[in-house]
Amino acid sequence: MNRYTRMLLCCAGLLCGCATAVQPWERGTLARPEMTFNSDALERKFAEHIYSSKEAAAGGAGVGGGGCGCN
């Protein structure tokens, strides 16, 4: 029983480090446009076109054509 208690306490101690809050002075850095997942609209559209063309179930970005990327 002592082994399981020790293992449980170690896991709880490791997980406590994951629950840190964002400090007020860090929020400005995280709110910058380059910190977003899709900051560049043209690059995002191109990536969606490539993904949907490779998927072969739909045409590229909603235009006619097959999965080969043909329009």
PDB file of N, CA and C in Angstrom:
ATOM      1  N   MET A   1       0.820  -1.197   0.000  1.00  0.00           N
ATOM      2  CA  MET A   1       0.000   0.000   0.000  1.00  0.00           C
ATOM      3  C   MET A   1       0.860   1.254   0.000  1.00  0.00           C
ATOM      4  N   ASN A   2       1.985   1.195   0.661  1.00  0.00           N
ATOM      5  CA  ASN A   2       2.871   2.341   0.738  1.00  0.00           C
ATOM      6  C   ASN A   2       3.406   2.714  -0.647  1.00  0.00           C
ATOM      7  N   ARG A   3       3.651   1.706  -1.477  1.00  0.00           N
ATOM      8  CA  ARG A   3       4.164   1.952  -2.824  1.00  0.00           C
ATOM      9  C   ARG A   3       3.129   2.698  -3.671  1.00  0.00           C
ATOM     10  N   TYR A   4       1.886   2.301  -3.585  1.00  0.00           N
ATOM     11  CA  TYR A   4       0.825   2.952  -4.351  1.00  0.00           C
ATOM     12  C   TYR A   4       0.583   4.380  -3.872  1.00  0.00           C
ATOM     13  N   THR A   5       0.672   4.587  -2.578  1.00  0.00           N
ATOM     14  CA  THR A   5       0.498   5.934  -2.029  1.00  0.00           C
ATOM     15  C   THR A   5       1.613   6.849  -2.506  1.00  0.00           C
ATOM     16  N   ARG A   6       2.824   6.333  -2.505  1.00  0.00           N
ATOM     17  CA  ARG A   6       3.967   7.116  -2.964  1.00  0.00           C
ATOM     18  C   ARG A   6       3.842   7.449  -4.454  1.00  0.00           C
ATOM     19  N   MET A   7       3.390   6.469  -5.246  1.00  0.00           N
ATOM     20  CA  MET A   7       3.216   6.695  -6.675  1.00  0.00           C
ATOM     21  C   MET A   7       2.105   7.714  -6.932  1.00  0.00           C
ATOM     22  N   LEU A   8       1.034   7.637  -6.177  1.00  0.00           N
ATOM     23  CA  LEU A   8      -0.066   8.583  -6.315  1.00  0.00           C
ATOM     24  C   LEU A   8       0.375   9.997  -5.954  1.00  0.00           C
ATOM     25  N   LEU A   9       1.154  10.131  -4.903  1.00  0.00           N
ATOM     26  CA  LEU A   9       1.654  11.447  -4.506  1.00  0.00           C
ATOM     27  C   LEU A   9       2.613  12.028  -5.544  1.00  0.00           C
ATOM     28  N   CYS A  10       3.437  11.182  -6.144  1.00  0.00           N
ATOM     29  CA  CYS A  10       4.345  11.656  -7.200  1.00  0.00           C
ATOM     30  C   CYS A  10       3.563  12.138  -8.417  1.00  0.00           C
ATOM     31  N   CYS A  11       2.549  11.380  -8.813  1.00  0.00           N
ATOM     32  CA  CYS A  11       1.723  11.792  -9.957  1.00  0.00           C
ATOM     33  C   CYS A  11       0.979  13.086  -9.658  1.00  0.00           C
ATOM     34  N   ALA A  12       0.456  13.218  -8.465  1.00  0.00           N
ATOM     35  CA  ALA A  12      -0.250  14.444  -8.087  1.00  0.00           C
ATOM     36  C   ALA A  12       0.705  15.632  -8.071  1.00  0.00           C
ATOM     37  N   GLY A  13       1.926  15.423  -7.608  1.00  0.00           N
ATOM     38  CA  GLY A  13       2.918  16.499  -7.597  1.00  0.00           C
ATOM     39  C   GLY A  13       3.318  16.930  -8.993  1.00  0.00           C
ATOM     40  N   LEU A  14       3.425  15.976  -9.915  1.00  0.00           N
ATOM     41  CA  LEU A  14       3.770  16.316 -11.294  1.00  0.00           C
ATOM     42  C   LEU A  14       2.639  17.071 -11.987  1.00  0.00           C
ATOM     43  N   LEU A  15       1.410  16.695 -11.704  1.00  0.00           N
ATOM     44  CA  LEU A  15       0.271  17.348 -12.342  1.00  0.00           C
ATOM     45  C   LEU A  15       0.004  18.740 -11.788  1.00  0.00           C
ATOM     46  N   CYS A  16       0.452  19.022 -10.587  1.00  0.00           N
ATOM     47  CA  CYS A  16       0.250  20.361 -10.014  1.00  0.00           C
ATOM     48  C   CYS A  16       1.030  21.424 -10.778  1.00  0.00           C
ATOM     49  N   GLY A  17       2.123  21.050 -11.405  1.00  0.00           N
ATOM     50  CA  GLY A  17       2.913  22.000 -12.179  1.00  0.00           C
ATOM     51  C   GLY A  17       2.246  22.411 -13.478  1.00  0.00           C
ATOM     52  N   CYS A  18       1.250  21.677 -13.927  1.00  0.00           N
ATOM     53  CA  CYS A  18       0.565  21.979 -15.186  1.00  0.00           C
ATOM     54  C   CYS A  18      -0.546  23.001 -15.019  1.00  0.00           C
ATOM     55  N   ALA A  19      -0.871  23.366 -13.815  1.00  0.00           N
ATOM     56  CA  ALA A  19      -2.022  24.233 -13.568  1.00  0.00           C
ATOM     57  C   ALA A  19      -1.593  25.664 -13.254  1.00  0.00           C
ATOM     58  N   THR A  20      -0.669  26.199 -14.032  1.00  0.00           N
ATOM     59  CA  THR A  20      -0.246  27.580 -13.799  1.00  0.00           C
ATOM     60  C   THR A  20      -1.133  28.520 -14.600  1.00  0.00           C
ATOM     61  N   ALA A  21      -1.466  29.629 -14.028  1.00  0.00           N
ATOM     62  CA  ALA A  21      -2.325  30.612 -14.694  1.00  0.00           C
ATOM     63  C   ALA A  21      -1.470  31.599 -15.481  1.00  0.00           C
ATOM     64  N   VAL A  22      -2.068  32.203 -16.486  1.00  0.00           N
ATOM     65  CA  VAL A  22      -1.394  33.235 -17.264  1.00  0.00           C
ATOM     66  C   VAL A  22      -1.411  34.522 -16.457  1.00  0.00           C
ATOM     67  N   GLN A  23      -0.246  35.095 -16.285  1.00  0.00           N
ATOM     68  CA  GLN A  23      -0.129  36.335 -15.518  1.00  0.00           C
ATOM     69  C   GLN A  23      -0.620  37.519 -16.351  1.00  0.00           C
ATOM     70  N   PRO A  24      -1.073  38.598 -15.713  1.00  0.00           N
ATOM     71  CA  PRO A  24      -1.589  39.753 -16.459  1.00  0.00           C
ATOM     72  C   PRO A  24      -0.581  40.353 -17.433  1.00  0.00           C
ATOM     73  N   TRP A  25       0.692  40.359 -17.099  1.00  0.00           N
ATOM     74  CA  TRP A  25       1.684  40.952 -17.997  1.00  0.00           C
ATOM     75  C   TRP A  25       2.013  40.029 -19.173  1.00  0.00           C
ATOM     76  N   GLU A  26       1.607  38.758 -19.123  1.00  0.00           N
ATOM     77  CA  GLU A  26       1.819  37.834 -20.227  1.00  0.00           C
ATOM     78  C   GLU A  26       0.662  37.848 -21.220  1.00  0.00           C
ATOM     79  N   ARG A  27      -0.452  38.378 -20.843  1.00  0.00           N
ATOM     80  CA  ARG A  27      -1.636  38.355 -21.713  1.00  0.00           C
ATOM     81  C   ARG A  27      -1.455  39.216 -22.949  1.00  0.00           C
ATOM     82  N   GLY A  28      -0.733  40.315 -22.835  1.00  0.00           N
ATOM     83  CA  GLY A  28      -0.476  41.157 -23.998  1.00  0.00           C
ATOM     84  C   GLY A  28       0.348  40.435 -25.047  1.00  0.00           C
ATOM     85  N   THR A  29       1.306  39.637 -24.609  1.00  0.00           N
ATOM     86  CA  THR A  29       2.132  38.870 -25.533  1.00  0.00           C
ATOM     87  C   THR A  29       1.306  37.802 -26.237  1.00  0.00           C
ATOM     88  N   LEU A  30       0.433  37.144 -25.503  1.00  0.00           N
ATOM     89  CA  LEU A  30      -0.381  36.084 -26.095  1.00  0.00           C
ATOM     90  C   LEU A  30      -1.479  36.619 -27.001  1.00  0.00           C
ATOM     91  N   ALA A  31      -1.829  37.890 -26.879  1.00  0.00           N
ATOM     92  CA  ALA A  31      -2.896  38.469 -27.685  1.00  0.00           C
ATOM     93  C   ALA A  31      -2.389  39.046 -29.007  1.00  0.00           C
ATOM     94  N   ARG A  32      -1.096  38.981 -29.261  1.00  0.00           N
ATOM     95  CA  ARG A  32      -0.550  39.516 -30.513  1.00  0.00           C
ATOM     96  C   ARG A  32      -1.063  38.702 -31.697  1.00  0.00           C
ATOM     97  N   PRO A  33      -1.242  39.331 -32.862  1.00  0.00           N
ATOM     98  CA  PRO A  33      -1.779  38.611 -34.028  1.00  0.00           C
ATOM     99  C   PRO A  33      -0.918  37.432 -34.473  1.00  0.00           C
ATOM    100  N   GLU A  34       0.387  37.532 -34.339  1.00  0.00           N
ATOM    101  CA  GLU A  34       1.241  36.425 -34.784  1.00  0.00           C
ATOM    102  C   GLU A  34       1.192  35.218 -33.855  1.00  0.00           C
ATOM    103  N   MET A  35       0.534  35.353 -32.713  1.00  0.00           N
ATOM    104  CA  MET A  35       0.398  34.230 -31.789  1.00  0.00           C
ATOM    105  C   MET A  35      -0.855  33.400 -32.071  1.00  0.00           C
ATOM    106  N   THR A  36      -1.676  33.796 -33.035  1.00  0.00           N
ATOM    107  CA  THR A  36      -2.869  33.026 -33.368  1.00  0.00           C
ATOM    108  C   THR A  36      -2.488  31.819 -34.212  1.00  0.00           C
ATOM    109  N   PHE A  37      -3.359  30.843 -34.274  1.00  0.00           N
ATOM    110  CA  PHE A  37      -3.079  29.648 -35.052  1.00  0.00           C
ATOM    111  C   PHE A  37      -3.093  29.946 -36.543  1.00  0.00           C
ATOM    112  N   ASN A  38      -4.009  30.773 -36.998  1.00  0.00           N
ATOM    113  CA  ASN A  38      -4.127  31.103 -38.416  1.00  0.00           C
ATOM    114  C   ASN A  38      -3.922  32.600 -38.605  1.00  0.00           C
ATOM    115  N   SER A  39      -2.691  33.066 -38.439  1.00  0.00           N
ATOM    116  CA  SER A  39      -2.449  34.499 -38.521  1.00  0.00           C
ATOM    117  C   SER A  39      -2.427  34.995 -39.961  1.00  0.00           C
ATOM    118  N   ASP A  40      -2.024  34.158 -40.908  1.00  0.00           N
ATOM    119  CA  ASP A  40      -1.944  34.564 -42.305  1.00  0.00           C
ATOM    120  C   ASP A  40      -3.093  33.915 -43.074  1.00  0.00           C
ATOM    121  N   ALA A  41      -4.017  34.733 -43.563  1.00  0.00           N
ATOM    122  CA  ALA A  41      -5.210  34.201 -44.233  1.00  0.00           C
ATOM    123  C   ALA A  41      -4.858  33.493 -45.538  1.00  0.00           C
ATOM    124  N   LEU A  42      -3.914  34.047 -46.310  1.00  0.00           N
ATOM    125  CA  LEU A  42      -3.540  33.428 -47.582  1.00  0.00           C
ATOM    126  C   LEU A  42      -2.872  32.070 -47.357  1.00  0.00           C
ATOM    127  N   GLU A  43      -2.007  31.999 -46.377  1.00  0.00           N
ATOM    128  CA  GLU A  43      -1.344  30.735 -46.063  1.00  0.00           C
ATOM    129  C   GLU A  43      -2.351  29.695 -45.581  1.00  0.00           C
ATOM    130  N   ARG A  44      -3.328  30.114 -44.782  1.00  0.00           N
ATOM    131  CA  ARG A  44      -4.362  29.201 -44.293  1.00  0.00           C
ATOM    132  C   ARG A  44      -5.198  28.668 -45.452  1.00  0.00           C
ATOM    133  N   LYS A  45      -5.572  29.549 -46.388  1.00  0.00           N
ATOM    134  CA  LYS A  45      -6.380  29.138 -47.538  1.00  0.00           C
ATOM    135  C   LYS A  45      -5.608  28.150 -48.413  1.00  0.00           C
ATOM    136  N   PHE A  46      -4.309  28.413 -48.600  1.00  0.00           N
ATOM    137  CA  PHE A  46      -3.483  27.514 -49.393  1.00  0.00           C
ATOM    138  C   PHE A  46      -3.359  26.151 -48.711  1.00  0.00           C
ATOM    139  N   ALA A  47      -3.177  26.143 -47.392  1.00  0.00           N
ATOM    140  CA  ALA A  47      -3.074  24.879 -46.655  1.00  0.00           C
ATOM    141  C   ALA A  47      -4.386  24.100 -46.715  1.00  0.00           C
ATOM    142  N   GLU A  48      -5.523  24.795 -46.646  1.00  0.00           N
ATOM    143  CA  GLU A  48      -6.821  24.120 -46.770  1.00  0.00           C
ATOM    144  C   GLU A  48      -6.993  23.522 -48.156  1.00  0.00           C
ATOM    145  N   HIS A  49      -6.517  24.241 -49.178  1.00  0.00           N
ATOM    146  CA  HIS A  49      -6.620  23.745 -50.548  1.00  0.00           C
ATOM    147  C   HIS A  49      -5.790  22.469 -50.715  1.00  0.00           C
ATOM    148  N   ILE A  50      -4.572  22.488 -50.212  1.00  0.00           N
ATOM    149  CA  ILE A  50      -3.707  21.317 -50.319  1.00  0.00           C
ATOM    150  C   ILE A  50      -4.297  20.143 -49.541  1.00  0.00           C
ATOM    151  N   TYR A  51      -4.795  20.401 -48.331  1.00  0.00           N
ATOM    152  CA  TYR A  51      -5.364  19.326 -47.511  1.00  0.00           C
ATOM    153  C   TYR A  51      -6.571  18.703 -48.192  1.00  0.00           C
ATOM    154  N   SER A  52      -7.473  19.531 -48.684  1.00  0.00           N
ATOM    155  CA  SER A  52      -8.679  18.979 -49.297  1.00  0.00           C
ATOM    156  C   SER A  52      -8.366  18.295 -50.622  1.00  0.00           C
ATOM    157  N   SER A  53      -7.326  18.737 -51.324  1.00  0.00           N
ATOM    158  CA  SER A  53      -6.935  18.065 -52.562  1.00  0.00           C
ATOM    159  C   SER A  53      -6.338  16.695 -52.275  1.00  0.00           C
ATOM    160  N   LYS A  54      -5.587  16.587 -51.212  1.00  0.00           N
ATOM    161  CA  LYS A  54      -5.002  15.300 -50.848  1.00  0.00           C
ATOM    162  C   LYS A  54      -6.031  14.361 -50.236  1.00  0.00           C
ATOM    163  N   GLU A  55      -7.097  14.908 -49.698  1.00  0.00           N
ATOM    164  CA  GLU A  55      -8.115  14.095 -49.044  1.00  0.00           C
ATOM    165  C   GLU A  55      -8.844  13.212 -50.045  1.00  0.00           C
ATOM    166  N   ALA A  56      -9.010  13.672 -51.268  1.00  0.00           N
ATOM    167  CA  ALA A  56      -9.628  12.947 -52.377  1.00  0.00           C
ATOM    168  C   ALA A  56     -11.124  12.734 -52.203  1.00  0.00           C
ATOM    169  N   ALA A  57     -11.714  13.286 -51.170  1.00  0.00           N
ATOM    170  CA  ALA A  57     -13.150  13.156 -50.978  1.00  0.00           C
ATOM    171  C   ALA A  57     -13.871  14.417 -51.425  1.00  0.00           C
ATOM    172  N   ALA A  58     -13.162  15.502 -51.614  1.00  0.00           N
ATOM    173  CA  ALA A  58     -13.765  16.767 -52.004  1.00  0.00           C
ATOM    174  C   ALA A  58     -12.787  17.533 -52.877  1.00  0.00           C
ATOM    175  N   GLY A  59     -13.295  18.488 -53.609  1.00  0.00           N
ATOM    176  CA  GLY A  59     -12.438  19.348 -54.417  1.00  0.00           C
ATOM    177  C   GLY A  59     -11.686  20.336 -53.555  1.00  0.00           C
ATOM    178  N   GLY A  60     -10.765  21.061 -54.158  1.00  0.00           N
ATOM    179  CA  GLY A  60      -9.952  22.009 -53.410  1.00  0.00           C
ATOM    180  C   GLY A  60     -10.730  23.247 -53.025  1.00  0.00           C
ATOM    181  N   ALA A  61     -10.965  23.461 -51.762  1.00  0.00           N
ATOM    182  CA  ALA A  61     -11.576  24.670 -51.187  1.00  0.00           C
ATOM    183  C   ALA A  61     -12.946  24.996 -51.778  1.00  0.00           C
ATOM    184  N   GLY A  62     -13.741  23.997 -52.066  1.00  0.00           N
ATOM    185  CA  GLY A  62     -15.117  24.224 -52.485  1.00  0.00           C
ATOM    186  C   GLY A  62     -15.328  24.448 -53.973  1.00  0.00           C
ATOM    187  N   VAL A  63     -14.298  24.369 -54.785  1.00  0.00           N
ATOM    188  CA  VAL A  63     -14.470  24.527 -56.228  1.00  0.00           C
ATOM    189  C   VAL A  63     -14.636  23.158 -56.860  1.00  0.00           C
ATOM    190  N   GLY A  64     -15.122  23.137 -58.092  1.00  0.00           N
ATOM    191  CA  GLY A  64     -15.348  21.878 -58.773  1.00  0.00           C
ATOM    192  C   GLY A  64     -14.055  21.151 -59.071  1.00  0.00           C
ATOM    193  N   GLY A  65     -14.131  19.868 -59.219  1.00  0.00           N
ATOM    194  CA  GLY A  65     -12.949  19.070 -59.525  1.00  0.00           C
ATOM    195  C   GLY A  65     -12.865  17.883 -58.595  1.00  0.00           C
ATOM    196  N   GLY A  66     -11.988  17.000 -58.911  1.00  0.00           N
ATOM    197  CA  GLY A  66     -11.838  15.796 -58.104  1.00  0.00           C
ATOM    198  C   GLY A  66     -10.823  15.974 -57.004  1.00  0.00           C
ATOM    199  N   GLY A  67     -10.405  14.862 -56.460  1.00  0.00           N
ATOM    200  CA  GLY A  67      -9.431  14.877 -55.386  1.00  0.00           C
ATOM    201  C   GLY A  67      -8.017  15.161 -55.846  1.00  0.00           C
ATOM    202  N   CYS A  68      -7.803  15.249 -57.162  1.00  0.00           N
ATOM    203  CA  CYS A  68      -6.456  15.480 -57.671  1.00  0.00           C
ATOM    204  C   CYS A  68      -6.062  16.946 -57.589  1.00  0.00           C
ATOM    205  N   GLY A  69      -6.973  17.834 -57.265  1.00  0.00           N
ATOM    206  CA  GLY A  69      -6.675  19.259 -57.189  1.00  0.00           C
ATOM    207  C   GLY A  69      -7.017  19.995 -58.471  1.00  0.00           C
ATOM    208  N   CYS A  70      -7.597  19.307 -59.440  1.00  0.00           N
ATOM    209  CA  CYS A  70      -7.973  19.940 -60.707  1.00  0.00           C
ATOM    210  C   CYS A  70      -9.200  20.822 -60.511  1.00  0.00           C
ATOM    211  N   ASN A  71      -9.234  21.923 -61.202  1.00  0.00           N
ATOM    212  CA  ASN A  71     -10.400  22.817 -61.135  1.00  0.00           C
ATOM    213  C   ASN A  71     -11.213  22.725 -62.395  1.00  0.00           C
TER     214      ASN A  71
END
